[in-house]
Structures are given as C-alpha cells and as structure tokens.
Amino acid sequence: MSGSSGHRIFTTTVTSVYPLYLAKVEKKGRTRDELDAVIEWLTGYDRTELDRHLAAGTTFADFFAGARLNPHAPLITGVVCGVRVESIEDPLMQRIRYLDKLVDELAKGRALEKVLRS
C-alpha cells in the first residue's frame, strides 16, 4: 500500500479513539495523566495542545503531521495488530502504531519510564 491514502485510520479523528485508549488503560489501573504523558512523549503535544486537537476533531493524519515526533520513537518495537511496528513502511501508519504500542504497554502495567524509553 503506497502513500497515505486508503487507510480509514488516517481520516479517523483522534477524538473518536482517545476514549478507547483511556478506557483501555484505566481498566488496568492506569490514569489519564499517564496516557497523556505517553502521547506527549511521542508527539510533543502537551495537555493544552492535546485538548485542542481533541476539541477540534483533528484526524490522525493531521495530528501526526503537526507532531514533533520524539527522536527515540524508533526504539518502539514489537507487534501491534499482528504487524511488527519497526517494519511498517508508511510513516503515518508507523506513527499511529507507535502510539498503539505505547498504549498497549501502559495497559499491560509496564513502568512509565520503560514505556517512555528512558
């Protein structure tokens, strides 16, 4: 699949997925602050910027287009939805899967310092 077209997730709003991420981590005893810390680490968006994107209904494509991707993001490895994140060729899809992987790790009880690759 070439280019950034054809994937429904690209035009999905962050607002529609964020509550699912939150429910997933809270079910495992984690907090919104921890989820937001993961998002900030990956994207560079602080709570105010994140809230602005959530309120605006920003799509994943636009959300990541404006992100200041963490230089340590390539340290995120493993499988999400049956695909190795480090082998995903489409940069936007890879960034979305990075976020999915971080949320999964948080929900699985991994220490926040480890999730944030510090």
PDB file of N, CA and C in Angstrom:
ATOM      1  N   MET A   1       0.847  -1.184   0.000  1.00  0.00           N
ATOM      2  CA  MET A   1       0.000   0.000   0.000  1.00  0.00           C
ATOM      3  C   MET A   1       0.887   1.240   0.000  1.00  0.00           C
ATOM      4  N   SER A   2       0.749   2.038  -0.991  1.00  0.00           N
ATOM      5  CA  SER A   2       1.624   3.201  -1.085  1.00  0.00           C
ATOM      6  C   SER A   2       0.875   4.461  -0.721  1.00  0.00           C
ATOM      7  N   GLY A   3       1.640   5.453  -0.304  1.00  0.00           N
ATOM      8  CA  GLY A   3       1.053   6.734   0.041  1.00  0.00           C
ATOM      9  C   GLY A   3       0.253   6.674   1.327  1.00  0.00           C
ATOM     10  N   SER A   4      -0.348   7.793   1.670  1.00  0.00           N
ATOM     11  CA  SER A   4      -1.103   7.873   2.903  1.00  0.00           C
ATOM     12  C   SER A   4      -2.597   7.886   2.614  1.00  0.00           C
ATOM     13  N   SER A   5      -3.003   7.151   1.578  1.00  0.00           N
ATOM     14  CA  SER A   5      -4.434   7.086   1.285  1.00  0.00           C
ATOM     15  C   SER A   5      -4.895   5.646   1.416  1.00  0.00           C
ATOM     16  N   GLY A   6      -6.189   5.488   1.566  1.00  0.00           N
ATOM     17  CA  GLY A   6      -6.736   4.153   1.614  1.00  0.00           C
ATOM     18  C   GLY A   6      -6.895   3.573   3.010  1.00  0.00           C
ATOM     19  N   HIS A   7      -6.202   4.107   3.989  1.00  0.00           N
ATOM     20  CA  HIS A   7      -6.357   3.603   5.353  1.00  0.00           C
ATOM     21  C   HIS A   7      -7.395   4.444   6.079  1.00  0.00           C
ATOM     22  N   ARG A   8      -8.441   3.799   6.548  1.00  0.00           N
ATOM     23  CA  ARG A   8      -9.511   4.529   7.237  1.00  0.00           C
ATOM     24  C   ARG A   8      -9.004   5.242   8.487  1.00  0.00           C
ATOM     25  N   ILE A   9      -8.001   4.656   9.155  1.00  0.00           N
ATOM     26  CA  ILE A   9      -7.491   5.261  10.388  1.00  0.00           C
ATOM     27  C   ILE A   9      -6.929   6.663  10.144  1.00  0.00           C
ATOM     28  N   PHE A  10      -6.414   6.936   8.948  1.00  0.00           N
ATOM     29  CA  PHE A  10      -5.808   8.247   8.672  1.00  0.00           C
ATOM     30  C   PHE A  10      -6.837   9.373   8.774  1.00  0.00           C
ATOM     31  N   THR A  11      -8.072   9.085   8.386  1.00  0.00           N
ATOM     32  CA  THR A  11      -9.120  10.111   8.422  1.00  0.00           C
ATOM     33  C   THR A  11     -10.007   9.976   9.662  1.00  0.00           C
ATOM     34  N   THR A  12      -9.675   9.024  10.529  1.00  0.00           N
ATOM     35  CA  THR A  12     -10.375   8.873  11.799  1.00  0.00           C
ATOM     36  C   THR A  12      -9.907   9.993  12.731  1.00  0.00           C
ATOM     37  N   THR A  13     -10.818  10.528  13.530  1.00  0.00           N
ATOM     38  CA  THR A  13     -10.421  11.592  14.443  1.00  0.00           C
ATOM     39  C   THR A  13      -9.769  11.009  15.696  1.00  0.00           C
ATOM     40  N   VAL A  14      -8.806  11.744  16.224  1.00  0.00           N
ATOM     41  CA  VAL A  14      -8.158  11.363  17.470  1.00  0.00           C
ATOM     42  C   VAL A  14      -9.219  11.321  18.580  1.00  0.00           C
ATOM     43  N   THR A  15     -10.188  12.240  18.495  1.00  0.00           N
ATOM     44  CA  THR A  15     -11.268  12.322  19.476  1.00  0.00           C
ATOM     45  C   THR A  15     -12.053  11.012  19.574  1.00  0.00           C
ATOM     46  N   SER A  16     -12.220  10.325  18.448  1.00  0.00           N
ATOM     47  CA  SER A  16     -13.010   9.087  18.460  1.00  0.00           C
ATOM     48  C   SER A  16     -12.231   7.910  19.049  1.00  0.00           C
ATOM     49  N   VAL A  17     -10.895   7.968  19.034  1.00  0.00           N
ATOM     50  CA  VAL A  17     -10.076   6.866  19.519  1.00  0.00           C
ATOM     51  C   VAL A  17      -9.572   7.102  20.946  1.00  0.00           C
ATOM     52  N   TYR A  18      -9.379   8.363  21.307  1.00  0.00           N
ATOM     53  CA  TYR A  18      -8.837   8.695  22.635  1.00  0.00           C
ATOM     54  C   TYR A  18      -9.623   8.050  23.781  1.00  0.00           C
ATOM     55  N   PRO A  19     -10.973   8.109  23.764  1.00  0.00           N
ATOM     56  CA  PRO A  19     -11.714   7.465  24.865  1.00  0.00           C
ATOM     57  C   PRO A  19     -11.469   5.952  24.936  1.00  0.00           C
ATOM     58  N   LEU A  20     -11.198   5.328  23.790  1.00  0.00           N
ATOM     59  CA  LEU A  20     -10.903   3.894  23.768  1.00  0.00           C
ATOM     60  C   LEU A  20      -9.538   3.632  24.414  1.00  0.00           C
ATOM     61  N   TYR A  21      -8.564   4.477  24.090  1.00  0.00           N
ATOM     62  CA  TYR A  21      -7.247   4.375  24.731  1.00  0.00           C
ATOM     63  C   TYR A  21      -7.395   4.562  26.238  1.00  0.00           C
ATOM     64  N   LEU A  22      -8.152   5.585  26.623  1.00  0.00           N
ATOM     65  CA  LEU A  22      -8.327   5.900  28.040  1.00  0.00           C
ATOM     66  C   LEU A  22      -8.998   4.742  28.777  1.00  0.00           C
ATOM     67  N   ALA A  23     -10.063   4.199  28.195  1.00  0.00           N
ATOM     68  CA  ALA A  23     -10.768   3.076  28.822  1.00  0.00           C
ATOM     69  C   ALA A  23      -9.836   1.876  28.973  1.00  0.00           C
ATOM     70  N   LYS A  24      -9.018   1.643  27.951  1.00  0.00           N
ATOM     71  CA  LYS A  24      -8.097   0.507  27.974  1.00  0.00           C
ATOM     72  C   LYS A  24      -7.092   0.627  29.118  1.00  0.00           C
ATOM     73  N   VAL A  25      -6.515   1.825  29.300  1.00  0.00           N
ATOM     74  CA  VAL A  25      -5.508   1.981  30.361  1.00  0.00           C
ATOM     75  C   VAL A  25      -6.152   2.069  31.741  1.00  0.00           C
ATOM     76  N   GLU A  26      -7.320   2.734  31.839  1.00  0.00           N
ATOM     77  CA  GLU A  26      -7.985   2.859  33.147  1.00  0.00           C
ATOM     78  C   GLU A  26      -8.470   1.508  33.654  1.00  0.00           C
ATOM     79  N   LYS A  27      -8.881   0.638  32.729  1.00  0.00           N
ATOM     80  CA  LYS A  27      -9.325  -0.702  33.106  1.00  0.00           C
ATOM     81  C   LYS A  27      -8.191  -1.461  33.802  1.00  0.00           C
ATOM     82  N   LYS A  28      -6.961  -1.091  33.483  1.00  0.00           N
ATOM     83  CA  LYS A  28      -5.787  -1.741  34.069  1.00  0.00           C
ATOM     84  C   LYS A  28      -5.160  -0.911  35.193  1.00  0.00           C
ATOM     85  N   GLY A  29      -5.930   0.090  35.691  1.00  0.00           N
ATOM     86  CA  GLY A  29      -5.463   0.860  36.836  1.00  0.00           C
ATOM     87  C   GLY A  29      -4.516   2.004  36.512  1.00  0.00           C
ATOM     88  N   ARG A  30      -4.403   2.356  35.233  1.00  0.00           N
ATOM     89  CA  ARG A  30      -3.552   3.481  34.859  1.00  0.00           C
ATOM     90  C   ARG A  30      -4.424   4.739  34.766  1.00  0.00           C
ATOM     91  N   THR A  31      -3.786   5.909  34.590  1.00  0.00           N
ATOM     92  CA  THR A  31      -4.527   7.174  34.647  1.00  0.00           C
ATOM     93  C   THR A  31      -4.482   7.943  33.329  1.00  0.00           C
ATOM     94  N   ARG A  32      -5.358   8.940  33.238  1.00  0.00           N
ATOM     95  CA  ARG A  32      -5.342   9.830  32.072  1.00  0.00           C
ATOM     96  C   ARG A  32      -4.006  10.563  32.011  1.00  0.00           C
ATOM     97  N   ASP A  33      -3.478  10.962  33.162  1.00  0.00           N
ATOM     98  CA  ASP A  33      -2.189  11.660  33.169  1.00  0.00           C
ATOM     99  C   ASP A  33      -1.095  10.795  32.552  1.00  0.00           C
ATOM    100  N   GLU A  34      -1.125   9.494  32.858  1.00  0.00           N
ATOM    101  CA  GLU A  34      -0.125   8.590  32.286  1.00  0.00           C
ATOM    102  C   GLU A  34      -0.329   8.444  30.771  1.00  0.00           C
ATOM    103  N   LEU A  35      -1.584   8.314  30.348  1.00  0.00           N
ATOM    104  CA  LEU A  35      -1.876   8.234  28.919  1.00  0.00           C
ATOM    105  C   LEU A  35      -1.397   9.500  28.210  1.00  0.00           C
ATOM    106  N   ASP A  36      -1.728  10.649  28.789  1.00  0.00           N
ATOM    107  CA  ASP A  36      -1.331  11.916  28.171  1.00  0.00           C
ATOM    108  C   ASP A  36       0.185  12.073  28.146  1.00  0.00           C
ATOM    109  N   ALA A  37       0.872  11.558  29.183  1.00  0.00           N
ATOM    110  CA  ALA A  37       2.345  11.607  29.210  1.00  0.00           C
ATOM    111  C   ALA A  37       2.922  10.792  28.057  1.00  0.00           C
ATOM    112  N   VAL A  38       2.308   9.652  27.759  1.00  0.00           N
ATOM    113  CA  VAL A  38       2.743   8.808  26.645  1.00  0.00           C
ATOM    114  C   VAL A  38       2.537   9.547  25.317  1.00  0.00           C
ATOM    115  N   ILE A  39       1.367  10.169  25.158  1.00  0.00           N
ATOM    116  CA  ILE A  39       1.068  10.907  23.930  1.00  0.00           C
ATOM    117  C   ILE A  39       2.024  12.089  23.788  1.00  0.00           C
ATOM    118  N   GLU A  40       2.279  12.803  24.896  1.00  0.00           N
ATOM    119  CA  GLU A  40       3.192  13.946  24.842  1.00  0.00           C
ATOM    120  C   GLU A  40       4.607  13.498  24.489  1.00  0.00           C
ATOM    121  N   TRP A  41       5.040  12.380  25.076  1.00  0.00           N
ATOM    122  CA  TRP A  41       6.389  11.877  24.794  1.00  0.00           C
ATOM    123  C   TRP A  41       6.546  11.593  23.301  1.00  0.00           C
ATOM    124  N   LEU A  42       5.535  10.941  22.705  1.00  0.00           N
ATOM    125  CA  LEU A  42       5.619  10.554  21.304  1.00  0.00           C
ATOM    126  C   LEU A  42       5.458  11.747  20.360  1.00  0.00           C
ATOM    127  N   THR A  43       4.503  12.636  20.655  1.00  0.00           N
ATOM    128  CA  THR A  43       4.110  13.665  19.684  1.00  0.00           C
ATOM    129  C   THR A  43       4.651  15.058  19.991  1.00  0.00           C
ATOM    130  N   GLY A  44       5.046  15.290  21.244  1.00  0.00           N
ATOM    131  CA  GLY A  44       5.450  16.633  21.644  1.00  0.00           C
ATOM    132  C   GLY A  44       4.283  17.520  22.042  1.00  0.00           C
ATOM    133  N   TYR A  45       3.052  17.015  21.916  1.00  0.00           N
ATOM    134  CA  TYR A  45       1.878  17.813  22.290  1.00  0.00           C
ATOM    135  C   TYR A  45       1.684  17.772  23.803  1.00  0.00           C
ATOM    136  N   ASP A  46       1.654  18.951  24.443  1.00  0.00           N
ATOM    137  CA  ASP A  46       1.344  18.988  25.872  1.00  0.00           C
ATOM    138  C   ASP A  46      -0.175  18.882  26.061  1.00  0.00           C
ATOM    139  N   ARG A  47      -0.626  18.867  27.304  1.00  0.00           N
ATOM    140  CA  ARG A  47      -2.047  18.670  27.616  1.00  0.00           C
ATOM    141  C   ARG A  47      -2.918  19.697  26.908  1.00  0.00           C
ATOM    142  N   THR A  48      -2.499  20.966  26.886  1.00  0.00           N
ATOM    143  CA  THR A  48      -3.283  22.027  26.238  1.00  0.00           C
ATOM    144  C   THR A  48      -3.416  21.771  24.743  1.00  0.00           C
ATOM    145  N   GLU A  49      -2.292  21.420  24.100  1.00  0.00           N
ATOM    146  CA  GLU A  49      -2.334  21.142  22.657  1.00  0.00           C
ATOM    147  C   GLU A  49      -3.166  19.893  22.365  1.00  0.00           C
ATOM    148  N   LEU A  50      -3.012  18.870  23.189  1.00  0.00           N
ATOM    149  CA  LEU A  50      -3.789  17.645  23.014  1.00  0.00           C
ATOM    150  C   LEU A  50      -5.279  17.955  23.141  1.00  0.00           C
ATOM    151  N   ASP A  51      -5.648  18.694  24.187  1.00  0.00           N
ATOM    152  CA  ASP A  51      -7.061  19.062  24.382  1.00  0.00           C
ATOM    153  C   ASP A  51      -7.595  19.842  23.181  1.00  0.00           C
ATOM    154  N   ARG A  52      -6.754  20.710  22.601  1.00  0.00           N
ATOM    155  CA  ARG A  52      -7.164  21.488  21.427  1.00  0.00           C
ATOM    156  C   ARG A  52      -7.450  20.542  20.250  1.00  0.00           C
ATOM    157  N   HIS A  53      -6.578  19.558  20.037  1.00  0.00           N
ATOM    158  CA  HIS A  53      -6.800  18.588  18.948  1.00  0.00           C
ATOM    159  C   HIS A  53      -8.055  17.763  19.209  1.00  0.00           C
ATOM    160  N   LEU A  54      -8.278  17.361  20.456  1.00  0.00           N
ATOM    161  CA  LEU A  54      -9.469  16.577  20.792  1.00  0.00           C
ATOM    162  C   LEU A  54     -10.729  17.399  20.541  1.00  0.00           C
ATOM    163  N   ALA A  55     -10.698  18.665  20.921  1.00  0.00           N
ATOM    164  CA  ALA A  55     -11.865  19.538  20.733  1.00  0.00           C
ATOM    165  C   ALA A  55     -12.118  19.833  19.255  1.00  0.00           C
ATOM    166  N   ALA A  56     -11.043  19.932  18.481  1.00  0.00           N
ATOM    167  CA  ALA A  56     -11.161  20.296  17.065  1.00  0.00           C
ATOM    168  C   ALA A  56     -11.543  19.120  16.171  1.00  0.00           C
ATOM    169  N   GLY A  57     -11.457  17.907  16.701  1.00  0.00           N
ATOM    170  CA  GLY A  57     -11.757  16.737  15.867  1.00  0.00           C
ATOM    171  C   GLY A  57     -10.677  16.480  14.827  1.00  0.00           C
ATOM    172  N   THR A  58      -9.435  16.713  15.191  1.00  0.00           N
ATOM    173  CA  THR A  58      -8.291  16.518  14.295  1.00  0.00           C
ATOM    174  C   THR A  58      -8.192  15.050  13.867  1.00  0.00           C
ATOM    175  N   THR A  59      -7.916  14.830  12.579  1.00  0.00           N
ATOM    176  CA  THR A  59      -7.713  13.459  12.099  1.00  0.00           C
ATOM    177  C   THR A  59      -6.317  12.985  12.496  1.00  0.00           C
ATOM    178  N   PHE A  60      -6.111  11.672  12.486  1.00  0.00           N
ATOM    179  CA  PHE A  60      -4.781  11.139  12.784  1.00  0.00           C
ATOM    180  C   PHE A  60      -3.743  11.675  11.802  1.00  0.00           C
ATOM    181  N   ALA A  61      -4.123  11.823  10.525  1.00  0.00           N
ATOM    182  CA  ALA A  61      -3.187  12.348   9.521  1.00  0.00           C
ATOM    183  C   ALA A  61      -2.710  13.739   9.921  1.00  0.00           C
ATOM    184  N   ASP A  62      -3.644  14.621  10.285  1.00  0.00           N
ATOM    185  CA  ASP A  62      -3.271  15.986  10.668  1.00  0.00           C
ATOM    186  C   ASP A  62      -2.584  16.024  12.030  1.00  0.00           C
ATOM    187  N   PHE A  63      -3.013  15.167  12.937  1.00  0.00           N
ATOM    188  CA  PHE A  63      -2.432  15.100  14.278  1.00  0.00           C
ATOM    189  C   PHE A  63      -0.939  14.793  14.189  1.00  0.00           C
ATOM    190  N   PHE A  64      -0.593  13.781  13.400  1.00  0.00           N
ATOM    191  CA  PHE A  64       0.816  13.412  13.280  1.00  0.00           C
ATOM    192  C   PHE A  64       1.584  14.329  12.338  1.00  0.00           C
ATOM    193  N   ALA A  65       0.879  14.981  11.405  1.00  0.00           N
ATOM    194  CA  ALA A  65       1.550  15.929  10.502  1.00  0.00           C
ATOM    195  C   ALA A  65       2.135  17.100  11.301  1.00  0.00           C
ATOM    196  N   GLY A  66       1.440  17.488  12.379  1.00  0.00           N
ATOM    197  CA  GLY A  66       1.898  18.603  13.196  1.00  0.00           C
ATOM    198  C   GLY A  66       2.737  18.196  14.397  1.00  0.00           C
ATOM    199  N   ALA A  67       2.894  16.894  14.585  1.00  0.00           N
ATOM    200  CA  ALA A  67       3.604  16.396  15.771  1.00  0.00           C
ATOM    201  C   ALA A  67       5.108  16.618  15.655  1.00  0.00           C
ATOM    202  N   ARG A  68       5.736  16.773  16.815  1.00  0.00           N
ATOM    203  CA  ARG A  68       7.199  16.840  16.906  1.00  0.00           C
ATOM    204  C   ARG A  68       7.638  15.470  17.423  1.00  0.00           C
ATOM    205  N   LEU A  69       7.759  14.515  16.500  1.00  0.00           N
ATOM    206  CA  LEU A  69       7.988  13.122  16.880  1.00  0.00           C
ATOM    207  C   LEU A  69       9.250  12.973  17.722  1.00  0.00           C
ATOM    208  N   ASN A  70       9.121  12.243  18.816  1.00  0.00           N
ATOM    209  CA  ASN A  70      10.258  12.009  19.704  1.00  0.00           C
ATOM    210  C   ASN A  70      11.377  11.304  18.940  1.00  0.00           C
ATOM    211  N   PRO A  71      12.609  11.789  19.075  1.00  0.00           N
ATOM    212  CA  PRO A  71      13.720  11.151  18.359  1.00  0.00           C
ATOM    213  C   PRO A  71      13.960   9.702  18.793  1.00  0.00           C
ATOM    214  N   HIS A  72      13.439   9.310  19.952  1.00  0.00           N
ATOM    215  CA  HIS A  72      13.591   7.930  20.428  1.00  0.00           C
ATOM    216  C   HIS A  72      12.450   7.020  19.975  1.00  0.00           C
ATOM    217  N   ALA A  73      11.504   7.560  19.199  1.00  0.00           N
ATOM    218  CA  ALA A  73      10.366   6.752  18.733  1.00  0.00           C
ATOM    219  C   ALA A  73      10.794   5.462  18.021  1.00  0.00           C
ATOM    220  N   PRO A  74      11.886   5.472  17.236  1.00  0.00           N
ATOM    221  CA  PRO A  74      12.291   4.214  16.586  1.00  0.00           C
ATOM    222  C   PRO A  74      12.688   3.099  17.569  1.00  0.00           C
ATOM    223  N   LEU A  75      12.848   3.435  18.853  1.00  0.00           N
ATOM    224  CA  LEU A  75      13.121   2.411  19.862  1.00  0.00           C
ATOM    225  C   LEU A  75      11.871   1.598  20.189  1.00  0.00           C
ATOM    226  N   ILE A  76      10.713   2.070  19.718  1.00  0.00           N
ATOM    227  CA  ILE A  76       9.459   1.346  19.941  1.00  0.00           C
ATOM    228  C   ILE A  76       9.427   0.182  18.954  1.00  0.00           C
ATOM    229  N   THR A  77       9.459  -1.032  19.507  1.00  0.00           N
ATOM    230  CA  THR A  77       9.436  -2.218  18.663  1.00  0.00           C
ATOM    231  C   THR A  77       8.400  -3.190  19.198  1.00  0.00           C
ATOM    232  N   GLY A  78       8.073  -4.160  18.397  1.00  0.00           N
ATOM    233  CA  GLY A  78       7.124  -5.170  18.815  1.00  0.00           C
ATOM    234  C   GLY A  78       5.969  -5.275  17.850  1.00  0.00           C
ATOM    235  N   VAL A  79       4.975  -6.043  18.253  1.00  0.00           N
ATOM    236  CA  VAL A  79       3.854  -6.360  17.365  1.00  0.00           C
ATOM    237  C   VAL A  79       2.583  -5.671  17.841  1.00  0.00           C
ATOM    238  N   VAL A  80       1.898  -5.023  16.902  1.00  0.00           N
ATOM    239  CA  VAL A  80       0.573  -4.444  17.146  1.00  0.00           C
ATOM    240  C   VAL A  80      -0.317  -4.910  16.004  1.00  0.00           C
ATOM    241  N   CYS A  81      -1.462  -5.447  16.334  1.00  0.00           N
ATOM    242  CA  CYS A  81      -2.395  -5.946  15.319  1.00  0.00           C
ATOM    243  C   CYS A  81      -1.705  -6.930  14.375  1.00  0.00           C
ATOM    244  N   GLY A  82      -0.801  -7.738  14.915  1.00  0.00           N
ATOM    245  CA  GLY A  82      -0.135  -8.760  14.130  1.00  0.00           C
ATOM    246  C   GLY A  82       0.969  -8.260  13.212  1.00  0.00           C
ATOM    247  N   VAL A  83       1.335  -6.982  13.333  1.00  0.00           N
ATOM    248  CA  VAL A  83       2.363  -6.406  12.464  1.00  0.00           C
ATOM    249  C   VAL A  83       3.490  -5.830  13.322  1.00  0.00           C
ATOM    250  N   ARG A  84       4.743  -6.088  12.930  1.00  0.00           N
ATOM    251  CA  ARG A  84       5.895  -5.519  13.642  1.00  0.00           C
ATOM    252  C   ARG A  84       5.962  -4.028  13.337  1.00  0.00           C
ATOM    253  N   VAL A  85       5.894  -3.189  14.379  1.00  0.00           N
ATOM    254  CA  VAL A  85       5.859  -1.741  14.148  1.00  0.00           C
ATOM    255  C   VAL A  85       7.121  -1.242  13.461  1.00  0.00           C
ATOM    256  N   GLU A  86       8.269  -1.865  13.760  1.00  0.00           N
ATOM    257  CA  GLU A  86       9.515  -1.385  13.164  1.00  0.00           C
ATOM    258  C   GLU A  86       9.628  -1.698  11.669  1.00  0.00           C
ATOM    259  N   SER A  87       8.743  -2.557  11.152  1.00  0.00           N
ATOM    260  CA  SER A  87       8.821  -2.904   9.723  1.00  0.00           C
ATOM    261  C   SER A  87       7.714  -2.246   8.894  1.00  0.00           C
ATOM    262  N   ILE A  88       6.912  -1.378   9.499  1.00  0.00           N
ATOM    263  CA  ILE A  88       5.844  -0.686   8.765  1.00  0.00           C
ATOM    264  C   ILE A  88       6.485   0.394   7.896  1.00  0.00           C
ATOM    265  N   GLU A  89       6.193   0.358   6.608  1.00  0.00           N
ATOM    266  CA  GLU A  89       6.840   1.286   5.676  1.00  0.00           C
ATOM    267  C   GLU A  89       6.182   2.660   5.610  1.00  0.00           C
ATOM    268  N   ASP A  90       4.865   2.707   5.715  1.00  0.00           N
ATOM    269  CA  ASP A  90       4.177   4.002   5.645  1.00  0.00           C
ATOM    270  C   ASP A  90       4.453   4.771   6.936  1.00  0.00           C
ATOM    271  N   PRO A  91       5.087   5.951   6.848  1.00  0.00           N
ATOM    272  CA  PRO A  91       5.471   6.697   8.062  1.00  0.00           C
ATOM    273  C   PRO A  91       4.292   7.062   8.956  1.00  0.00           C
ATOM    274  N   LEU A  92       3.159   7.439   8.355  1.00  0.00           N
ATOM    275  CA  LEU A  92       1.995   7.800   9.152  1.00  0.00           C
ATOM    276  C   LEU A  92       1.438   6.570   9.877  1.00  0.00           C
ATOM    277  N   MET A  93       1.304   5.461   9.166  1.00  0.00           N
ATOM    278  CA  MET A  93       0.807   4.242   9.801  1.00  0.00           C
ATOM    279  C   MET A  93       1.754   3.808  10.922  1.00  0.00           C
ATOM    280  N   GLN A  94       3.050   3.955  10.688  1.00  0.00           N
ATOM    281  CA  GLN A  94       4.013   3.565  11.710  1.00  0.00           C
ATOM    282  C   GLN A  94       3.835   4.423  12.967  1.00  0.00           C
ATOM    283  N   ARG A  95       3.623   5.712  12.805  1.00  0.00           N
ATOM    284  CA  ARG A  95       3.436   6.603  13.957  1.00  0.00           C
ATOM    285  C   ARG A  95       2.167   6.249  14.723  1.00  0.00           C
ATOM    286  N   ILE A  96       1.094   5.933  14.000  1.00  0.00           N
ATOM    287  CA  ILE A  96      -0.153   5.530  14.655  1.00  0.00           C
ATOM    288  C   ILE A  96       0.075   4.236  15.441  1.00  0.00           C
ATOM    289  N   ARG A  97       0.792   3.305  14.846  1.00  0.00           N
ATOM    290  CA  ARG A  97       1.080   2.034  15.533  1.00  0.00           C
ATOM    291  C   ARG A  97       2.039   2.226  16.700  1.00  0.00           C
ATOM    292  N   TYR A  98       2.961   3.186  16.598  1.00  0.00           N
ATOM    293  CA  TYR A  98       3.814   3.523  17.754  1.00  0.00           C
ATOM    294  C   TYR A  98       2.915   3.888  18.929  1.00  0.00           C
ATOM    295  N   LEU A  99       1.927   4.749  18.664  1.00  0.00           N
ATOM    296  CA  LEU A  99       1.016   5.180  19.719  1.00  0.00           C
ATOM    297  C   LEU A  99       0.234   3.987  20.272  1.00  0.00           C
ATOM    298  N   ASP A 100      -0.276   3.137  19.383  1.00  0.00           N
ATOM    299  CA  ASP A 100      -0.999   1.936  19.826  1.00  0.00           C
ATOM    300  C   ASP A 100      -0.120   1.071  20.726  1.00  0.00           C
ATOM    301  N   LYS A 101       1.137   0.901  20.332  1.00  0.00           N
ATOM    302  CA  LYS A 101       2.069   0.056  21.080  1.00  0.00           C
ATOM    303  C   LYS A 101       2.338   0.643  22.467  1.00  0.00           C
ATOM    304  N   LEU A 102       2.532   1.958  22.544  1.00  0.00           N
ATOM    305  CA  LEU A 102       2.768   2.612  23.840  1.00  0.00           C
ATOM    306  C   LEU A 102       1.555   2.457  24.749  1.00  0.00           C
ATOM    307  N   VAL A 103       0.359   2.623  24.192  1.00  0.00           N
ATOM    308  CA  VAL A 103      -0.876   2.458  24.973  1.00  0.00           C
ATOM    309  C   VAL A 103      -0.990   1.014  25.455  1.00  0.00           C
ATOM    310  N   ASP A 104      -0.674   0.048  24.580  1.00  0.00           N
ATOM    311  CA  ASP A 104      -0.699  -1.372  24.977  1.00  0.00           C
ATOM    312  C   ASP A 104       0.247  -1.624  26.143  1.00  0.00           C
ATOM    313  N   GLU A 105       1.465  -1.095  26.046  1.00  0.00           N
ATOM    314  CA  GLU A 105       2.456  -1.313  27.103  1.00  0.00           C
ATOM    315  C   GLU A 105       1.996  -0.703  28.420  1.00  0.00           C
ATOM    316  N   LEU A 106       1.412   0.492  28.349  1.00  0.00           N
ATOM    317  CA  LEU A 106       0.899   1.153  29.540  1.00  0.00           C
ATOM    318  C   LEU A 106      -0.200   0.289  30.169  1.00  0.00           C
ATOM    319  N   ALA A 107      -1.112  -0.202  29.327  1.00  0.00           N
ATOM    320  CA  ALA A 107      -2.224  -1.020  29.811  1.00  0.00           C
ATOM    321  C   ALA A 107      -1.739  -2.352  30.382  1.00  0.00           C
ATOM    322  N   LYS A 108      -0.610  -2.838  29.903  1.00  0.00           N
ATOM    323  CA  LYS A 108      -0.083  -4.115  30.399  1.00  0.00           C
ATOM    324  C   LYS A 108       0.699  -3.946  31.691  1.00  0.00           C
ATOM    325  N   GLY A 109       0.739  -2.706  32.213  1.00  0.00           N
ATOM    326  CA  GLY A 109       1.365  -2.480  33.510  1.00  0.00           C
ATOM    327  C   GLY A 109       2.850  -2.182  33.471  1.00  0.00           C
ATOM    328  N   ARG A 110       3.376  -1.951  32.294  1.00  0.00           N
ATOM    329  CA  ARG A 110       4.792  -1.611  32.189  1.00  0.00           C
ATOM    330  C   ARG A 110       5.052  -0.278  32.884  1.00  0.00           C
ATOM    331  N   ALA A 111       6.182  -0.158  33.532  1.00  0.00           N
ATOM    332  CA  ALA A 111       6.535   1.096  34.209  1.00  0.00           C
ATOM    333  C   ALA A 111       6.593   2.229  33.187  1.00  0.00           C
ATOM    334  N   LEU A 112       6.067   3.397  33.580  1.00  0.00           N
ATOM    335  CA  LEU A 112       6.008   4.536  32.660  1.00  0.00           C
ATOM    336  C   LEU A 112       7.404   4.878  32.110  1.00  0.00           C
ATOM    337  N   GLU A 113       8.441   4.780  32.946  1.00  0.00           N
ATOM    338  CA  GLU A 113       9.801   5.090  32.481  1.00  0.00           C
ATOM    339  C   GLU A 113      10.204   4.153  31.347  1.00  0.00           C
ATOM    340  N   LYS A 114       9.796   2.890  31.445  1.00  0.00           N
ATOM    341  CA  LYS A 114      10.118   1.919  30.392  1.00  0.00           C
ATOM    342  C   LYS A 114       9.302   2.183  29.131  1.00  0.00           C
ATOM    343  N   VAL A 115       8.019   2.507  29.323  1.00  0.00           N
ATOM    344  CA  VAL A 115       7.156   2.818  28.175  1.00  0.00           C
ATOM    345  C   VAL A 115       7.748   4.009  27.420  1.00  0.00           C
ATOM    346  N   LEU A 116       8.265   4.981  28.169  1.00  0.00           N
ATOM    347  CA  LEU A 116       8.803   6.202  27.546  1.00  0.00           C
ATOM    348  C   LEU A 116      10.248   6.054  27.120  1.00  0.00           C
ATOM    349  N   ARG A 117      10.759   4.823  27.150  1.00  0.00           N
ATOM    350  CA  ARG A 117      12.105   4.521  26.645  1.00  0.00           C
ATOM    351  C   ARG A 117      13.172   5.387  27.298  1.00  0.00           C
ATOM    352  N   SER A 118      13.017   5.599  28.631  1.00  0.00           N
ATOM    353  CA  SER A 118      14.025   6.434  29.313  1.00  0.00           C
ATOM    354  C   SER A 118      14.917   5.588  30.210  1.00  0.00           C
TER     355      SER A 118
END
